[in-house]
Amino acid sequence: MYQARTSGDSTRGSGQAQPGTLAALVARARAIGFYALPEDIGSDPKLCSARATDHPTATITIFEPSQQSRVVHYHGCYLATDHSTAPQLQALTAFEVAIDSAAGSSRWLTPPGSQTR
């Protein structure tokens, strides 16, 4: 079970993932080397030697009985000014998309230009 708890948002949502979803996401985290990533991607010059402004940030935290791991991924981190990204960050971005897909996050987003009620 998961719940959306967005600060300042008057709408709340909840949902339930399919059985095995969490285990599959944790296995994927291990496969991409999530636990070896620095907590702050932006502070690692090997992953973020060139920064662009006004990009979103994703914070992923995995709670397991034996450990808690957190990665803050600023999406304006690049290897060079040509906007090339490290393979680890490409895998991390795909992992973030998988998390959003499993959680059904899109139902809590308002498309640009839409009016909320």
C-alpha atoms as a PDB file:
ATOM      1  CA  MET A   1       0.000   0.000   0.000  1.00  0.00           C
ATOM      2  CA  TYR A   2       1.262   3.501  -0.792  1.00  0.00           C
ATOM      3  CA  GLN A   3      -0.143   6.972  -0.223  1.00  0.00           C
ATOM      4  CA  ALA A   4       0.505  10.329  -1.836  1.00  0.00           C
ATOM      5  CA  ARG A   5       1.212  12.980   0.752  1.00  0.00           C
ATOM      6  CA  THR A   6       2.183  16.055  -1.166  1.00  0.00           C
ATOM      7  CA  SER A   7       2.854  19.036   1.082  1.00  0.00           C
ATOM      8  CA  GLY A   8       0.339  21.807   0.458  1.00  0.00           C
ATOM      9  CA  ASP A   9      -1.820  19.638  -1.797  1.00  0.00           C
ATOM     10  CA  SER A  10      -5.428  19.357  -0.678  1.00  0.00           C
ATOM     11  CA  THR A  11      -5.960  16.128  -2.606  1.00  0.00           C
ATOM     12  CA  ARG A  12      -4.790  12.824  -1.210  1.00  0.00           C
ATOM     13  CA  GLY A  13      -4.584   9.548  -2.996  1.00  0.00           C
ATOM     14  CA  SER A  14      -3.813   5.977  -2.231  1.00  0.00           C
ATOM     15  CA  GLY A  15      -3.487   2.762  -4.120  1.00  0.00           C
ATOM     16  CA  GLN A  16      -2.188  -0.733  -3.965  1.00  0.00           C
ATOM     17  CA  ALA A  17       0.527  -2.269  -6.105  1.00  0.00           C
ATOM     18  CA  GLN A  18       0.279  -5.722  -7.609  1.00  0.00           C
ATOM     19  CA  PRO A  19       1.833  -8.573  -5.589  1.00  0.00           C
ATOM     20  CA  GLY A  20       5.541  -8.845  -6.263  1.00  0.00           C
ATOM     21  CA  THR A  21       5.905  -5.255  -7.484  1.00  0.00           C
ATOM     22  CA  LEU A  22       8.057  -4.107  -4.577  1.00  0.00           C
ATOM     23  CA  ALA A  23      10.310  -7.166  -4.820  1.00  0.00           C
ATOM     24  CA  ALA A  24      10.722  -6.584  -8.566  1.00  0.00           C
ATOM     25  CA  LEU A  25      11.631  -2.921  -8.009  1.00  0.00           C
ATOM     26  CA  VAL A  26      14.183  -3.805  -5.319  1.00  0.00           C
ATOM     27  CA  ALA A  27      15.698  -6.429  -7.641  1.00  0.00           C
ATOM     28  CA  ARG A  28      15.911  -3.798 -10.380  1.00  0.00           C
ATOM     29  CA  ALA A  29      17.549  -1.372  -7.941  1.00  0.00           C
ATOM     30  CA  ARG A  30      20.211  -3.968  -7.219  1.00  0.00           C
ATOM     31  CA  ALA A  31      20.686  -4.696 -10.929  1.00  0.00           C
ATOM     32  CA  ILE A  32      21.359  -1.038 -11.803  1.00  0.00           C
ATOM     33  CA  GLY A  33      23.742  -0.500  -8.875  1.00  0.00           C
ATOM     34  CA  PHE A  34      21.374   1.806  -6.977  1.00  0.00           C
ATOM     35  CA  TYR A  35      22.986   1.006  -3.622  1.00  0.00           C
ATOM     36  CA  ALA A  36      26.428   2.024  -4.902  1.00  0.00           C
ATOM     37  CA  LEU A  37      25.275   5.449  -6.146  1.00  0.00           C
ATOM     38  CA  PRO A  38      26.140   8.523  -4.072  1.00  0.00           C
ATOM     39  CA  GLU A  39      23.302   9.936  -1.992  1.00  0.00           C
ATOM     40  CA  ASP A  40      23.515  13.235  -3.916  1.00  0.00           C
ATOM     41  CA  ILE A  41      24.202  12.720  -7.629  1.00  0.00           C
ATOM     42  CA  GLY A  42      24.964  16.422  -8.042  1.00  0.00           C
ATOM     43  CA  SER A  43      27.911  16.223  -5.649  1.00  0.00           C
ATOM     44  CA  ASP A  44      29.721  13.529  -7.657  1.00  0.00           C
ATOM     45  CA  PRO A  45      31.888  15.047 -10.422  1.00  0.00           C
ATOM     46  CA  LYS A  46      32.096  11.659 -12.181  1.00  0.00           C
ATOM     47  CA  LEU A  47      28.317  11.744 -12.680  1.00  0.00           C
ATOM     48  CA  CYS A  48      27.692  15.484 -12.725  1.00  0.00           C
ATOM     49  CA  SER A  49      30.608  17.468 -14.100  1.00  0.00           C
ATOM     50  CA  ALA A  50      28.322  19.843 -16.038  1.00  0.00           C
ATOM     51  CA  ARG A  51      25.074  21.211 -14.609  1.00  0.00           C
ATOM     52  CA  ALA A  52      22.114  22.792 -16.328  1.00  0.00           C
ATOM     53  CA  THR A  53      19.528  24.830 -14.471  1.00  0.00           C
ATOM     54  CA  ASP A  54      15.777  24.435 -14.052  1.00  0.00           C
ATOM     55  CA  HIS A  55      15.592  20.645 -14.216  1.00  0.00           C
ATOM     56  CA  PRO A  56      13.497  18.462 -11.899  1.00  0.00           C
ATOM     57  CA  THR A  57      14.889  16.454  -9.014  1.00  0.00           C
ATOM     58  CA  ALA A  58      13.822  12.920  -8.109  1.00  0.00           C
ATOM     59  CA  THR A  59      14.459  11.528  -4.650  1.00  0.00           C
ATOM     60  CA  ILE A  60      14.288   7.757  -4.357  1.00  0.00           C
ATOM     61  CA  THR A  61      14.379   6.088  -0.951  1.00  0.00           C
ATOM     62  CA  ILE A  62      14.275   2.338  -0.495  1.00  0.00           C
ATOM     63  CA  PHE A  63      13.479   1.022   2.970  1.00  0.00           C
ATOM     64  CA  GLU A  64      14.499  -2.553   3.694  1.00  0.00           C
ATOM     65  CA  PRO A  65      14.662  -4.320   7.055  1.00  0.00           C
ATOM     66  CA  SER A  66      18.464  -4.190   7.077  1.00  0.00           C
ATOM     67  CA  GLN A  67      19.076  -0.847   5.373  1.00  0.00           C
ATOM     68  CA  GLN A  68      17.699   2.410   4.059  1.00  0.00           C
ATOM     69  CA  SER A  69      19.140   3.870   0.873  1.00  0.00           C
ATOM     70  CA  ARG A  70      18.405   7.286  -0.585  1.00  0.00           C
ATOM     71  CA  VAL A  71      19.503   8.889  -3.854  1.00  0.00           C
ATOM     72  CA  VAL A  72      18.759  12.492  -4.825  1.00  0.00           C
ATOM     73  CA  HIS A  73      18.906  12.718  -8.610  1.00  0.00           C
ATOM     74  CA  TYR A  74      19.025  16.206 -10.107  1.00  0.00           C
ATOM     75  CA  HIS A  75      18.118  15.736 -13.774  1.00  0.00           C
ATOM     76  CA  GLY A  76      20.311  18.654 -14.828  1.00  0.00           C
ATOM     77  CA  CYS A  77      23.479  16.623 -14.203  1.00  0.00           C
ATOM     78  CA  TYR A  78      25.539  15.900 -17.310  1.00  0.00           C
ATOM     79  CA  LEU A  79      28.994  14.606 -18.173  1.00  0.00           C
ATOM     80  CA  ALA A  80      29.671  17.481 -20.556  1.00  0.00           C
ATOM     81  CA  THR A  81      28.051  20.580 -22.014  1.00  0.00           C
ATOM     82  CA  ASP A  82      26.722  18.436 -24.888  1.00  0.00           C
ATOM     83  CA  HIS A  83      24.213  17.050 -22.317  1.00  0.00           C
ATOM     84  CA  SER A  84      25.584  13.518 -22.415  1.00  0.00           C
ATOM     85  CA  THR A  85      24.701  11.511 -19.310  1.00  0.00           C
ATOM     86  CA  ALA A  86      26.472   8.707 -17.490  1.00  0.00           C
ATOM     87  CA  PRO A  87      25.090   5.211 -18.149  1.00  0.00           C
ATOM     88  CA  GLN A  88      24.326   4.912 -14.419  1.00  0.00           C
ATOM     89  CA  LEU A  89      22.070   7.962 -14.629  1.00  0.00           C
ATOM     90  CA  GLN A  90      20.326   6.645 -17.723  1.00  0.00           C
ATOM     91  CA  ALA A  91      19.580   3.430 -15.786  1.00  0.00           C
ATOM     92  CA  LEU A  92      18.485   5.459 -12.741  1.00  0.00           C
ATOM     93  CA  THR A  93      16.089   7.536 -14.858  1.00  0.00           C
ATOM     94  CA  ALA A  94      14.558   4.363 -16.311  1.00  0.00           C
ATOM     95  CA  PHE A  95      14.216   3.023 -12.751  1.00  0.00           C
ATOM     96  CA  GLU A  96      12.406   6.217 -11.709  1.00  0.00           C
ATOM     97  CA  VAL A  97       9.975   5.741 -14.610  1.00  0.00           C
ATOM     98  CA  ALA A  98       9.380   2.142 -13.475  1.00  0.00           C
ATOM     99  CA  ILE A  99       8.604   3.357  -9.936  1.00  0.00           C
ATOM    100  CA  ASP A 100       6.145   5.953 -11.263  1.00  0.00           C
ATOM    101  CA  SER A 101       4.528   3.337 -13.482  1.00  0.00           C
ATOM    102  CA  ALA A 102       4.150   0.844 -10.621  1.00  0.00           C
ATOM    103  CA  ALA A 103       2.681   3.547  -8.371  1.00  0.00           C
ATOM    104  CA  GLY A 104       0.373   4.895 -11.063  1.00  0.00           C
ATOM    105  CA  SER A 105       1.730   8.380 -10.344  1.00  0.00           C
ATOM    106  CA  SER A 106       0.237   9.861 -13.511  1.00  0.00           C
ATOM    107  CA  ARG A 107      -3.234   9.889 -11.934  1.00  0.00           C
ATOM    108  CA  TRP A 108      -2.028  12.577  -9.521  1.00  0.00           C
ATOM    109  CA  LEU A 109      -0.593  14.836 -12.206  1.00  0.00           C
ATOM    110  CA  THR A 110      -2.393  17.613 -13.998  1.00  0.00           C
ATOM    111  CA  PRO A 111      -1.405  17.915 -17.663  1.00  0.00           C
ATOM    112  CA  PRO A 112      -0.050  21.335 -18.689  1.00  0.00           C
ATOM    113  CA  GLY A 113      -2.865  23.681 -19.679  1.00  0.00           C
ATOM    114  CA  SER A 114      -5.498  21.739 -17.717  1.00  0.00           C
ATOM    115  CA  GLN A 115      -7.570  23.419 -15.093  1.00  0.00           C
ATOM    116  CA  THR A 116      -7.896  21.841 -11.663  1.00  0.00           C
ATOM    117  CA  ARG A 117     -11.091  21.891  -9.690  1.00  0.00           C
END
